[in-house]
Amino acid sequence: MAYNEFLADRMRMVLKEKNVAYQEKAMMGGLTFMVDDKMCVGIVKENLMARIDPDIYDEALRKRACREMDFTHRPMKGFVFVEPEGMDMDDDLEYWIQLALDYNPKAKSSKKKKNK
């Protein structure tokens, strides 16, 4: 198991309840939920990955079970990992997903443009 399937199902449920159009992509050995062609939230092993507003990044890191996303062994500002104990409750999971959704319209797409 590359990522937590139960967490994936919980995340799908939250996104559907919020009427969010998304695509799923296998990425980084886990699963990423793309919103408007931008990485929004995902799962790496047992952890939730969230792309949040860099302006609230330091505040978010003070939350329970939240840490820098250091997937490449180099922290990525604006991306956090939330360990399982930080999203046990549905309200906690929804909180992190909502932070990522709030930032998504401001996030830059990393999608490469094709030359015409």
PDB file of N, CA and C in Angstrom:
ATOM      1  N   MET A   1       0.846  -1.192   0.000  1.00  0.00           N
ATOM      2  CA  MET A   1       0.000   0.000   0.000  1.00  0.00           C
ATOM      3  C   MET A   1       0.886   1.249   0.000  1.00  0.00           C
ATOM      4  N   ALA A   2       0.791   2.024  -1.051  1.00  0.00           N
ATOM      5  CA  ALA A   2       1.609   3.230  -1.177  1.00  0.00           C
ATOM      6  C   ALA A   2       1.039   4.374  -0.344  1.00  0.00           C
ATOM      7  N   TYR A   3      -0.265   4.403  -0.169  1.00  0.00           N
ATOM      8  CA  TYR A   3      -0.901   5.453   0.624  1.00  0.00           C
ATOM      9  C   TYR A   3      -2.139   4.894   1.302  1.00  0.00           C
ATOM     10  N   ASN A   4      -2.629   5.625   2.270  1.00  0.00           N
ATOM     11  CA  ASN A   4      -3.764   5.203   3.089  1.00  0.00           C
ATOM     12  C   ASN A   4      -5.071   5.333   2.284  1.00  0.00           C
ATOM     13  N   GLU A   5      -5.624   4.201   1.861  1.00  0.00           N
ATOM     14  CA  GLU A   5      -6.855   4.181   1.061  1.00  0.00           C
ATOM     15  C   GLU A   5      -8.055   4.714   1.853  1.00  0.00           C
ATOM     16  N   PHE A   6      -8.097   4.430   3.136  1.00  0.00           N
ATOM     17  CA  PHE A   6      -9.199   4.927   3.965  1.00  0.00           C
ATOM     18  C   PHE A   6      -9.175   6.453   4.010  1.00  0.00           C
ATOM     19  N   LEU A   7      -7.989   7.037   4.161  1.00  0.00           N
ATOM     20  CA  LEU A   7      -7.865   8.496   4.149  1.00  0.00           C
ATOM     21  C   LEU A   7      -8.303   9.047   2.794  1.00  0.00           C
ATOM     22  N   ALA A   8      -7.933   8.371   1.717  1.00  0.00           N
ATOM     23  CA  ALA A   8      -8.348   8.808   0.371  1.00  0.00           C
ATOM     24  C   ALA A   8      -9.872   8.855   0.276  1.00  0.00           C
ATOM     25  N   ASP A   9     -10.538   7.829   0.792  1.00  0.00           N
ATOM     26  CA  ASP A   9     -12.004   7.806   0.775  1.00  0.00           C
ATOM     27  C   ASP A   9     -12.590   8.948   1.604  1.00  0.00           C
ATOM     28  N   ARG A  10     -12.002   9.210   2.758  1.00  0.00           N
ATOM     29  CA  ARG A  10     -12.471  10.324   3.601  1.00  0.00           C
ATOM     30  C   ARG A  10     -12.311  11.657   2.874  1.00  0.00           C
ATOM     31  N   MET A  11     -11.183  11.821   2.190  1.00  0.00           N
ATOM     32  CA  MET A  11     -10.935  13.064   1.467  1.00  0.00           C
ATOM     33  C   MET A  11     -11.907  13.227   0.298  1.00  0.00           C
ATOM     34  N   ARG A  12     -12.169  12.142  -0.422  1.00  0.00           N
ATOM     35  CA  ARG A  12     -13.145  12.191  -1.518  1.00  0.00           C
ATOM     36  C   ARG A  12     -14.508  12.635  -0.993  1.00  0.00           C
ATOM     37  N   MET A  13     -14.891  12.111   0.155  1.00  0.00           N
ATOM     38  CA  MET A  13     -16.183  12.449   0.740  1.00  0.00           C
ATOM     39  C   MET A  13     -16.257  13.945   1.059  1.00  0.00           C
ATOM     40  N   VAL A  14     -15.204  14.494   1.664  1.00  0.00           N
ATOM     41  CA  VAL A  14     -15.194  15.929   1.997  1.00  0.00           C
ATOM     42  C   VAL A  14     -15.289  16.761   0.720  1.00  0.00           C
ATOM     43  N   LEU A  15     -14.499  16.413  -0.281  1.00  0.00           N
ATOM     44  CA  LEU A  15     -14.515  17.181  -1.529  1.00  0.00           C
ATOM     45  C   LEU A  15     -15.877  17.102  -2.212  1.00  0.00           C
ATOM     46  N   LYS A  16     -16.496  15.940  -2.192  1.00  0.00           N
ATOM     47  CA  LYS A  16     -17.826  15.795  -2.798  1.00  0.00           C
ATOM     48  C   LYS A  16     -18.872  16.579  -2.019  1.00  0.00           C
ATOM     49  N   GLU A  17     -18.794  16.539  -0.681  1.00  0.00           N
ATOM     50  CA  GLU A  17     -19.746  17.303   0.138  1.00  0.00           C
ATOM     51  C   GLU A  17     -19.636  18.801  -0.131  1.00  0.00           C
ATOM     52  N   LYS A  18     -18.438  19.252  -0.492  1.00  0.00           N
ATOM     53  CA  LYS A  18     -18.205  20.668  -0.777  1.00  0.00           C
ATOM     54  C   LYS A  18     -18.435  20.992  -2.254  1.00  0.00           C
ATOM     55  N   ASN A  19     -18.884  19.999  -3.022  1.00  0.00           N
ATOM     56  CA  ASN A  19     -19.133  20.157  -4.460  1.00  0.00           C
ATOM     57  C   ASN A  19     -17.908  20.675  -5.214  1.00  0.00           C
ATOM     58  N   VAL A  20     -16.750  20.134  -4.892  1.00  0.00           N
ATOM     59  CA  VAL A  20     -15.499  20.532  -5.522  1.00  0.00           C
ATOM     60  C   VAL A  20     -15.198  19.570  -6.672  1.00  0.00           C
ATOM     61  N   ALA A  21     -14.967  20.136  -7.849  1.00  0.00           N
ATOM     62  CA  ALA A  21     -14.539  19.319  -8.985  1.00  0.00           C
ATOM     63  C   ALA A  21     -13.042  19.066  -8.822  1.00  0.00           C
ATOM     64  N   TYR A  22     -12.635  17.829  -8.937  1.00  0.00           N
ATOM     65  CA  TYR A  22     -11.228  17.476  -8.745  1.00  0.00           C
ATOM     66  C   TYR A  22     -10.856  16.304  -9.634  1.00  0.00           C
ATOM     67  N   GLN A  23      -9.569  16.153  -9.837  1.00  0.00           N
ATOM     68  CA  GLN A  23      -9.026  14.986 -10.511  1.00  0.00           C
ATOM     69  C   GLN A  23      -8.012  14.362  -9.563  1.00  0.00           C
ATOM     70  N   GLU A  24      -7.898  13.060  -9.650  1.00  0.00           N
ATOM     71  CA  GLU A  24      -6.917  12.346  -8.836  1.00  0.00           C
ATOM     72  C   GLU A  24      -5.727  11.973  -9.712  1.00  0.00           C
ATOM     73  N   LYS A  25      -4.528  12.151  -9.158  1.00  0.00           N
ATOM     74  CA  LYS A  25      -3.306  11.768  -9.872  1.00  0.00           C
ATOM     75  C   LYS A  25      -2.376  11.045  -8.914  1.00  0.00           C
ATOM     76  N   ALA A  26      -1.825   9.951  -9.389  1.00  0.00           N
ATOM     77  CA  ALA A  26      -0.774   9.290  -8.627  1.00  0.00           C
ATOM     78  C   ALA A  26       0.458  10.174  -8.748  1.00  0.00           C
ATOM     79  N   MET A  27       1.017  10.541  -7.596  1.00  0.00           N
ATOM     80  CA  MET A  27       2.154  11.458  -7.596  1.00  0.00           C
ATOM     81  C   MET A  27       2.950  11.266  -6.317  1.00  0.00           C
ATOM     82  N   MET A  28       4.241  11.367  -6.398  1.00  0.00           N
ATOM     83  CA  MET A  28       5.133  11.310  -5.242  1.00  0.00           C
ATOM     84  C   MET A  28       4.934  10.035  -4.428  1.00  0.00           C
ATOM     85  N   GLY A  29       4.597   8.943  -5.074  1.00  0.00           N
ATOM     86  CA  GLY A  29       4.381   7.690  -4.354  1.00  0.00           C
ATOM     87  C   GLY A  29       3.086   7.689  -3.574  1.00  0.00           C
ATOM     88  N   GLY A  30       2.230   8.664  -3.830  1.00  0.00           N
ATOM     89  CA  GLY A  30       0.961   8.763  -3.132  1.00  0.00           C
ATOM     90  C   GLY A  30      -0.146   9.146  -4.093  1.00  0.00           C
ATOM     91  N   LEU A  31      -1.090   9.896  -3.606  1.00  0.00           N
ATOM     92  CA  LEU A  31      -2.241  10.323  -4.390  1.00  0.00           C
ATOM     93  C   LEU A  31      -2.432  11.819  -4.191  1.00  0.00           C
ATOM     94  N   THR A  32      -2.628  12.533  -5.286  1.00  0.00           N
ATOM     95  CA  THR A  32      -2.847  13.975  -5.220  1.00  0.00           C
ATOM     96  C   THR A  32      -4.208  14.295  -5.794  1.00  0.00           C
ATOM     97  N   PHE A  33      -4.905  15.204  -5.122  1.00  0.00           N
ATOM     98  CA  PHE A  33      -6.183  15.705  -5.606  1.00  0.00           C
ATOM     99  C   PHE A  33      -5.924  17.069  -6.229  1.00  0.00           C
ATOM    100  N   MET A  34      -6.162  17.153  -7.534  1.00  0.00           N
ATOM    101  CA  MET A  34      -5.940  18.381  -8.287  1.00  0.00           C
ATOM    102  C   MET A  34      -7.265  19.136  -8.386  1.00  0.00           C
ATOM    103  N   VAL A  35      -7.222  20.429  -8.098  1.00  0.00           N
ATOM    104  CA  VAL A  35      -8.394  21.294  -8.225  1.00  0.00           C
ATOM    105  C   VAL A  35      -7.985  22.420  -9.172  1.00  0.00           C
ATOM    106  N   ASP A  36      -8.751  22.622 -10.235  1.00  0.00           N
ATOM    107  CA  ASP A  36      -8.416  23.615 -11.262  1.00  0.00           C
ATOM    108  C   ASP A  36      -7.006  23.390 -11.811  1.00  0.00           C
ATOM    109  N   ASP A  37      -6.666  22.146 -12.051  1.00  0.00           N
ATOM    110  CA  ASP A  37      -5.354  21.751 -12.587  1.00  0.00           C
ATOM    111  C   ASP A  37      -4.187  22.147 -11.697  1.00  0.00           C
ATOM    112  N   LYS A  38      -4.446  22.315 -10.399  1.00  0.00           N
ATOM    113  CA  LYS A  38      -3.385  22.665  -9.451  1.00  0.00           C
ATOM    114  C   LYS A  38      -3.399  21.668  -8.295  1.00  0.00           C
ATOM    115  N   MET A  39      -2.197  21.321  -7.819  1.00  0.00           N
ATOM    116  CA  MET A  39      -2.083  20.441  -6.670  1.00  0.00           C
ATOM    117  C   MET A  39      -2.742  21.134  -5.474  1.00  0.00           C
ATOM    118  N   CYS A  40      -3.688  20.460  -4.846  1.00  0.00           N
ATOM    119  CA  CYS A  40      -4.416  21.063  -3.727  1.00  0.00           C
ATOM    120  C   CYS A  40      -4.141  20.295  -2.430  1.00  0.00           C
ATOM    121  N   VAL A  41      -4.549  19.046  -2.385  1.00  0.00           N
ATOM    122  CA  VAL A  41      -4.304  18.185  -1.229  1.00  0.00           C
ATOM    123  C   VAL A  41      -3.893  16.811  -1.736  1.00  0.00           C
ATOM    124  N   GLY A  42      -3.321  16.030  -0.848  1.00  0.00           N
ATOM    125  CA  GLY A  42      -2.931  14.697  -1.252  1.00  0.00           C
ATOM    126  C   GLY A  42      -2.569  13.835  -0.059  1.00  0.00           C
ATOM    127  N   ILE A  43      -2.098  12.660  -0.384  1.00  0.00           N
ATOM    128  CA  ILE A  43      -1.725  11.687   0.636  1.00  0.00           C
ATOM    129  C   ILE A  43      -0.355  11.125   0.282  1.00  0.00           C
ATOM    130  N   VAL A  44       0.533  11.113   1.251  1.00  0.00           N
ATOM    131  CA  VAL A  44       1.817  10.443   1.123  1.00  0.00           C
ATOM    132  C   VAL A  44       1.906   9.498   2.314  1.00  0.00           C
ATOM    133  N   LYS A  45       1.857   8.221   2.032  1.00  0.00           N
ATOM    134  CA  LYS A  45       1.812   7.157   3.049  1.00  0.00           C
ATOM    135  C   LYS A  45       0.596   7.361   3.943  1.00  0.00           C
ATOM    136  N   GLU A  46       0.807   7.752   5.195  1.00  0.00           N
ATOM    137  CA  GLU A  46      -0.300   7.963   6.138  1.00  0.00           C
ATOM    138  C   GLU A  46      -0.611   9.440   6.354  1.00  0.00           C
ATOM    139  N   ASN A  47       0.156  10.316   5.708  1.00  0.00           N
ATOM    140  CA  ASN A  47       0.051  11.750   5.967  1.00  0.00           C
ATOM    141  C   ASN A  47      -0.768  12.481   4.917  1.00  0.00           C
ATOM    142  N   LEU A  48      -1.496  13.466   5.379  1.00  0.00           N
ATOM    143  CA  LEU A  48      -2.182  14.393   4.486  1.00  0.00           C
ATOM    144  C   LEU A  48      -1.171  15.443   4.047  1.00  0.00           C
ATOM    145  N   MET A  49      -1.168  15.768   2.780  1.00  0.00           N
ATOM    146  CA  MET A  49      -0.362  16.866   2.265  1.00  0.00           C
ATOM    147  C   MET A  49      -1.347  17.961   1.873  1.00  0.00           C
ATOM    148  N   ALA A  50      -1.086  19.188   2.322  1.00  0.00           N
ATOM    149  CA  ALA A  50      -1.962  20.301   1.967  1.00  0.00           C
ATOM    150  C   ALA A  50      -1.123  21.468   1.454  1.00  0.00           C
ATOM    151  N   ARG A  51      -1.603  22.069   0.377  1.00  0.00           N
ATOM    152  CA  ARG A  51      -0.973  23.274  -0.164  1.00  0.00           C
ATOM    153  C   ARG A  51      -1.769  24.457   0.371  1.00  0.00           C
ATOM    154  N   ILE A  52      -1.146  25.205   1.274  1.00  0.00           N
ATOM    155  CA  ILE A  52      -1.857  26.276   1.964  1.00  0.00           C
ATOM    156  C   ILE A  52      -1.196  27.625   1.676  1.00  0.00           C
ATOM    157  N   ASP A  53      -1.880  28.662   2.054  1.00  0.00           N
ATOM    158  CA  ASP A  53      -1.382  30.022   1.846  1.00  0.00           C
ATOM    159  C   ASP A  53      -0.075  30.212   2.608  1.00  0.00           C
ATOM    160  N   PRO A  54       0.997  30.610   1.928  1.00  0.00           N
ATOM    161  CA  PRO A  54       2.265  30.846   2.628  1.00  0.00           C
ATOM    162  C   PRO A  54       2.144  31.880   3.748  1.00  0.00           C
ATOM    163  N   ASP A  55       1.142  32.757   3.662  1.00  0.00           N
ATOM    164  CA  ASP A  55       0.943  33.767   4.709  1.00  0.00           C
ATOM    165  C   ASP A  55       0.510  33.153   6.043  1.00  0.00           C
ATOM    166  N   ILE A  56      -0.085  31.960   6.019  1.00  0.00           N
ATOM    167  CA  ILE A  56      -0.517  31.313   7.268  1.00  0.00           C
ATOM    168  C   ILE A  56       0.320  30.069   7.577  1.00  0.00           C
ATOM    169  N   TYR A  57       1.372  29.876   6.812  1.00  0.00           N
ATOM    170  CA  TYR A  57       2.222  28.692   6.941  1.00  0.00           C
ATOM    171  C   TYR A  57       2.773  28.521   8.356  1.00  0.00           C
ATOM    172  N   ASP A  58       3.377  29.570   8.909  1.00  0.00           N
ATOM    173  CA  ASP A  58       3.973  29.465  10.248  1.00  0.00           C
ATOM    174  C   ASP A  58       2.924  29.165  11.304  1.00  0.00           C
ATOM    175  N   GLU A  59       1.760  29.778  11.169  1.00  0.00           N
ATOM    176  CA  GLU A  59       0.657  29.522  12.111  1.00  0.00           C
ATOM    177  C   GLU A  59       0.204  28.063  12.009  1.00  0.00           C
ATOM    178  N   ALA A  60       0.103  27.563  10.803  1.00  0.00           N
ATOM    179  CA  ALA A  60      -0.337  26.178  10.592  1.00  0.00           C
ATOM    180  C   ALA A  60       0.640  25.187  11.218  1.00  0.00           C
ATOM    181  N   LEU A  61       1.929  25.495  11.138  1.00  0.00           N
ATOM    182  CA  LEU A  61       2.933  24.587  11.693  1.00  0.00           C
ATOM    183  C   LEU A  61       2.830  24.444  13.206  1.00  0.00           C
ATOM    184  N   ARG A  62       2.136  25.360  13.858  1.00  0.00           N
ATOM    185  CA  ARG A  62       1.942  25.261  15.310  1.00  0.00           C
ATOM    186  C   ARG A  62       0.752  24.374  15.681  1.00  0.00           C
ATOM    187  N   LYS A  63      -0.013  23.951  14.692  1.00  0.00           N
ATOM    188  CA  LYS A  63      -1.166  23.071  14.946  1.00  0.00           C
ATOM    189  C   LYS A  63      -0.671  21.654  15.242  1.00  0.00           C
ATOM    190  N   ARG A  64      -1.479  20.934  15.957  1.00  0.00           N
ATOM    191  CA  ARG A  64      -1.154  19.560  16.348  1.00  0.00           C
ATOM    192  C   ARG A  64      -0.880  18.684  15.126  1.00  0.00           C
ATOM    193  N   ALA A  65       0.232  17.985  15.160  1.00  0.00           N
ATOM    194  CA  ALA A  65       0.615  16.981  14.167  1.00  0.00           C
ATOM    195  C   ALA A  65       0.885  17.556  12.777  1.00  0.00           C
ATOM    196  N   CYS A  66       1.112  18.845  12.683  1.00  0.00           N
ATOM    197  CA  CYS A  66       1.438  19.484  11.405  1.00  0.00           C
ATOM    198  C   CYS A  66       2.946  19.739  11.361  1.00  0.00           C
ATOM    199  N   ARG A  67       3.527  19.489  10.200  1.00  0.00           N
ATOM    200  CA  ARG A  67       4.962  19.739  10.044  1.00  0.00           C
ATOM    201  C   ARG A  67       5.246  20.155   8.603  1.00  0.00           C
ATOM    202  N   GLU A  68       6.450  20.647   8.409  1.00  0.00           N
ATOM    203  CA  GLU A  68       6.864  21.050   7.069  1.00  0.00           C
ATOM    204  C   GLU A  68       6.808  19.854   6.131  1.00  0.00           C
ATOM    205  N   MET A  69       6.411  20.119   4.909  1.00  0.00           N
ATOM    206  CA  MET A  69       6.486  19.073   3.896  1.00  0.00           C
ATOM    207  C   MET A  69       7.932  19.013   3.438  1.00  0.00           C
ATOM    208  N   ASP A  70       8.584  17.950   3.795  1.00  0.00           N
ATOM    209  CA  ASP A  70      10.009  17.802   3.489  1.00  0.00           C
ATOM    210  C   ASP A  70      10.239  16.569   2.628  1.00  0.00           C
ATOM    211  N   PHE A  71       9.356  16.363   1.685  1.00  0.00           N
ATOM    212  CA  PHE A  71       9.394  15.170   0.837  1.00  0.00           C
ATOM    213  C   PHE A  71      10.731  15.036   0.123  1.00  0.00           C
ATOM    214  N   THR A  72      11.293  16.148  -0.295  1.00  0.00           N
ATOM    215  CA  THR A  72      12.573  16.137  -1.007  1.00  0.00           C
ATOM    216  C   THR A  72      13.726  16.412  -0.043  1.00  0.00           C
ATOM    217  N   HIS A  73      13.469  16.332   1.260  1.00  0.00           N
ATOM    218  CA  HIS A  73      14.434  16.647   2.315  1.00  0.00           C
ATOM    219  C   HIS A  73      14.770  18.136   2.329  1.00  0.00           C
ATOM    220  N   ARG A  74      13.920  18.904   1.699  1.00  0.00           N
ATOM    221  CA  ARG A  74      14.039  20.357   1.704  1.00  0.00           C
ATOM    222  C   ARG A  74      12.626  20.906   1.895  1.00  0.00           C
ATOM    223  N   PRO A  75      12.362  21.638   2.982  1.00  0.00           N
ATOM    224  CA  PRO A  75      11.005  22.129   3.227  1.00  0.00           C
ATOM    225  C   PRO A  75      10.481  22.972   2.072  1.00  0.00           C
ATOM    226  N   MET A  76       9.207  22.788   1.778  1.00  0.00           N
ATOM    227  CA  MET A  76       8.565  23.551   0.721  1.00  0.00           C
ATOM    228  C   MET A  76       7.553  24.496   1.364  1.00  0.00           C
ATOM    229  N   LYS A  77       7.854  25.779   1.348  1.00  0.00           N
ATOM    230  CA  LYS A  77       6.976  26.776   1.978  1.00  0.00           C
ATOM    231  C   LYS A  77       5.601  26.721   1.310  1.00  0.00           C
ATOM    232  N   GLY A  78       4.584  26.669   2.139  1.00  0.00           N
ATOM    233  CA  GLY A  78       3.222  26.606   1.630  1.00  0.00           C
ATOM    234  C   GLY A  78       2.673  25.195   1.534  1.00  0.00           C
ATOM    235  N   PHE A  79       3.523  24.203   1.729  1.00  0.00           N
ATOM    236  CA  PHE A  79       3.083  22.812   1.723  1.00  0.00           C
ATOM    237  C   PHE A  79       3.347  22.227   3.105  1.00  0.00           C
ATOM    238  N   VAL A  80       2.344  21.543   3.662  1.00  0.00           N
ATOM    239  CA  VAL A  80       2.504  20.923   4.977  1.00  0.00           C
ATOM    240  C   VAL A  80       2.082  19.463   4.918  1.00  0.00           C
ATOM    241  N   PHE A  81       2.631  18.691   5.834  1.00  0.00           N
ATOM    242  CA  PHE A  81       2.178  17.339   6.112  1.00  0.00           C
ATOM    243  C   PHE A  81       1.412  17.390   7.418  1.00  0.00           C
ATOM    244  N   VAL A  82       0.297  16.679   7.469  1.00  0.00           N
ATOM    245  CA  VAL A  82      -0.452  16.516   8.710  1.00  0.00           C
ATOM    246  C   VAL A  82      -0.461  15.021   8.998  1.00  0.00           C
ATOM    247  N   GLU A  83       0.069  14.671  10.141  1.00  0.00           N
ATOM    248  CA  GLU A  83       0.146  13.271  10.539  1.00  0.00           C
ATOM    249  C   GLU A  83      -1.237  12.789  10.994  1.00  0.00           C
ATOM    250  N   PRO A  84      -1.469  11.473  11.010  1.00  0.00           N
ATOM    251  CA  PRO A  84      -2.792  10.933  11.289  1.00  0.00           C
ATOM    252  C   PRO A  84      -3.483  11.500  12.537  1.00  0.00           C
ATOM    253  N   GLU A  85      -2.730  11.714  13.629  1.00  0.00           N
ATOM    254  CA  GLU A  85      -3.381  12.217  14.847  1.00  0.00           C
ATOM    255  C   GLU A  85      -3.897  13.651  14.679  1.00  0.00           C
ATOM    256  N   GLY A  86      -3.475  14.344  13.657  1.00  0.00           N
ATOM    257  CA  GLY A  86      -3.944  15.708  13.412  1.00  0.00           C
ATOM    258  C   GLY A  86      -5.200  15.770  12.565  1.00  0.00           C
ATOM    259  N   MET A  87      -5.680  14.602  12.127  1.00  0.00           N
ATOM    260  CA  MET A  87      -6.885  14.576  11.288  1.00  0.00           C
ATOM    261  C   MET A  87      -7.762  13.370  11.592  1.00  0.00           C
ATOM    262  N   ASP A  88      -7.643  12.873  12.829  1.00  0.00           N
ATOM    263  CA  ASP A  88      -8.487  11.745  13.250  1.00  0.00           C
ATOM    264  C   ASP A  88      -9.964  12.075  13.127  1.00  0.00           C
ATOM    265  N   MET A  89     -10.306  13.253  13.573  1.00  0.00           N
ATOM    266  CA  MET A  89     -11.704  13.674  13.556  1.00  0.00           C
ATOM    267  C   MET A  89     -12.048  14.271  12.187  1.00  0.00           C
ATOM    268  N   ASP A  90     -13.281  14.046  11.743  1.00  0.00           N
ATOM    269  CA  ASP A  90     -13.691  14.565  10.443  1.00  0.00           C
ATOM    270  C   ASP A  90     -13.576  16.085  10.371  1.00  0.00           C
ATOM    271  N   ASP A  91     -13.864  16.764  11.481  1.00  0.00           N
ATOM    272  CA  ASP A  91     -13.747  18.227  11.489  1.00  0.00           C
ATOM    273  C   ASP A  91     -12.305  18.666  11.256  1.00  0.00           C
ATOM    274  N   ASP A  92     -11.341  17.928  11.794  1.00  0.00           N
ATOM    275  CA  ASP A  92      -9.928  18.260  11.597  1.00  0.00           C
ATOM    276  C   ASP A  92      -9.524  18.052  10.131  1.00  0.00           C
ATOM    277  N   LEU A  93      -9.958  16.948   9.558  1.00  0.00           N
ATOM    278  CA  LEU A  93      -9.655  16.686   8.148  1.00  0.00           C
ATOM    279  C   LEU A  93     -10.264  17.774   7.269  1.00  0.00           C
ATOM    280  N   GLU A  94     -11.508  18.122   7.549  1.00  0.00           N
ATOM    281  CA  GLU A  94     -12.179  19.165   6.768  1.00  0.00           C
ATOM    282  C   GLU A  94     -11.461  20.511   6.907  1.00  0.00           C
ATOM    283  N   TYR A  95     -10.951  20.810   8.092  1.00  0.00           N
ATOM    284  CA  TYR A  95     -10.209  22.052   8.325  1.00  0.00           C
ATOM    285  C   TYR A  95      -9.019  22.153   7.377  1.00  0.00           C
ATOM    286  N   TRP A  96      -8.210  21.097   7.286  1.00  0.00           N
ATOM    287  CA  TRP A  96      -7.019  21.131   6.447  1.00  0.00           C
ATOM    288  C   TRP A  96      -7.381  21.189   4.965  1.00  0.00           C
ATOM    289  N   ILE A  97      -8.398  20.441   4.576  1.00  0.00           N
ATOM    290  CA  ILE A  97      -8.826  20.487   3.181  1.00  0.00           C
ATOM    291  C   ILE A  97      -9.348  21.874   2.836  1.00  0.00           C
ATOM    292  N   GLN A  98     -10.101  22.479   3.749  1.00  0.00           N
ATOM    293  CA  GLN A  98     -10.631  23.824   3.487  1.00  0.00           C
ATOM    294  C   GLN A  98      -9.510  24.852   3.365  1.00  0.00           C
ATOM    295  N   LEU A  99      -8.471  24.749   4.192  1.00  0.00           N
ATOM    296  CA  LEU A  99      -7.328  25.659   4.049  1.00  0.00           C
ATOM    297  C   LEU A  99      -6.729  25.555   2.650  1.00  0.00           C
ATOM    298  N   ALA A 100      -6.590  24.338   2.154  1.00  0.00           N
ATOM    299  CA  ALA A 100      -6.027  24.141   0.817  1.00  0.00           C
ATOM    300  C   ALA A 100      -6.973  24.677  -0.261  1.00  0.00           C
ATOM    301  N   LEU A 101      -8.268  24.450  -0.090  1.00  0.00           N
ATOM    302  CA  LEU A 101      -9.237  24.968  -1.060  1.00  0.00           C
ATOM    303  C   LEU A 101      -9.273  26.492  -1.061  1.00  0.00           C
ATOM    304  N   ASP A 102      -9.127  27.097   0.115  1.00  0.00           N
ATOM    305  CA  ASP A 102      -9.124  28.563   0.205  1.00  0.00           C
ATOM    306  C   ASP A 102      -7.942  29.154  -0.548  1.00  0.00           C
ATOM    307  N   TYR A 103      -6.815  28.466  -0.503  1.00  0.00           N
ATOM    308  CA  TYR A 103      -5.624  28.981  -1.172  1.00  0.00           C
ATOM    309  C   TYR A 103      -5.609  28.662  -2.669  1.00  0.00           C
ATOM    310  N   ASN A 104      -6.290  27.625  -3.079  1.00  0.00           N
ATOM    311  CA  ASN A 104      -6.210  27.139  -4.453  1.00  0.00           C
ATOM    312  C   ASN A 104      -6.421  28.215  -5.524  1.00  0.00           C
ATOM    313  N   PRO A 105      -7.383  29.124  -5.399  1.00  0.00           N
ATOM    314  CA  PRO A 105      -7.543  30.138  -6.452  1.00  0.00           C
ATOM    315  C   PRO A 105      -6.328  31.058  -6.596  1.00  0.00           C
ATOM    316  N   LYS A 106      -5.565  31.230  -5.530  1.00  0.00           N
ATOM    317  CA  LYS A 106      -4.371  32.089  -5.571  1.00  0.00           C
ATOM    318  C   LYS A 106      -3.115  31.330  -5.985  1.00  0.00           C
ATOM    319  N   ALA A 107      -3.156  30.010  -5.898  1.00  0.00           N
ATOM    320  CA  ALA A 107      -1.978  29.190  -6.193  1.00  0.00           C
ATOM    321  C   ALA A 107      -1.663  29.231  -7.682  1.00  0.00           C
ATOM    322  N   LYS A 108      -0.387  29.200  -7.969  1.00  0.00           N
ATOM    323  CA  LYS A 108       0.047  29.158  -9.362  1.00  0.00           C
ATOM    324  C   LYS A 108       0.039  27.714  -9.842  1.00  0.00           C
ATOM    325  N   SER A 109      -0.393  27.541 -11.049  1.00  0.00           N
ATOM    326  CA  SER A 109      -0.378  26.214 -11.647  1.00  0.00           C
ATOM    327  C   SER A 109       1.037  25.873 -12.073  1.00  0.00           C
ATOM    328  N   SER A 110       1.443  24.656 -11.816  1.00  0.00           N
ATOM    329  CA  SER A 110       2.768  24.231 -12.252  1.00  0.00           C
ATOM    330  C   SER A 110       2.669  23.507 -13.589  1.00  0.00           C
ATOM    331  N   LYS A 111       1.484  23.542 -14.171  1.00  0.00           N
ATOM    332  CA  LYS A 111       1.261  22.868 -15.450  1.00  0.00           C
ATOM    333  C   LYS A 111       2.104  23.527 -16.534  1.00  0.00           C
ATOM    334  N   LYS A 112       2.833  22.704 -17.248  1.00  0.00           N
ATOM    335  CA  LYS A 112       3.689  23.225 -18.297  1.00  0.00           C
ATOM    336  C   LYS A 112       2.864  23.520 -19.531  1.00  0.00           C
ATOM    337  N   LYS A 113       3.113  24.668 -20.120  1.00  0.00           N
ATOM    338  CA  LYS A 113       2.396  25.052 -21.337  1.00  0.00           C
ATOM    339  C   LYS A 113       3.092  24.423 -22.537  1.00  0.00           C
ATOM    340  N   LYS A 114       2.275  23.951 -23.469  1.00  0.00           N
ATOM    341  CA  LYS A 114       2.822  23.366 -24.678  1.00  0.00           C
ATOM    342  C   LYS A 114       3.156  24.464 -25.671  1.00  0.00           C
ATOM    343  N   ASN A 115       4.260  24.304 -26.363  1.00  0.00           N
ATOM    344  CA  ASN A 115       4.622  25.263 -27.413  1.00  0.00           C
ATOM    345  C   ASN A 115       3.717  25.054 -28.617  1.00  0.00           C
ATOM    346  N   LYS A 116       3.294  26.164 -29.182  1.00  0.00           N
ATOM    347  CA  LYS A 116       2.399  26.065 -30.348  1.00  0.00           C
ATOM    348  C   LYS A 116       3.156  26.277 -31.617  1.00  0.00           C
TER     349      LYS A 116
END
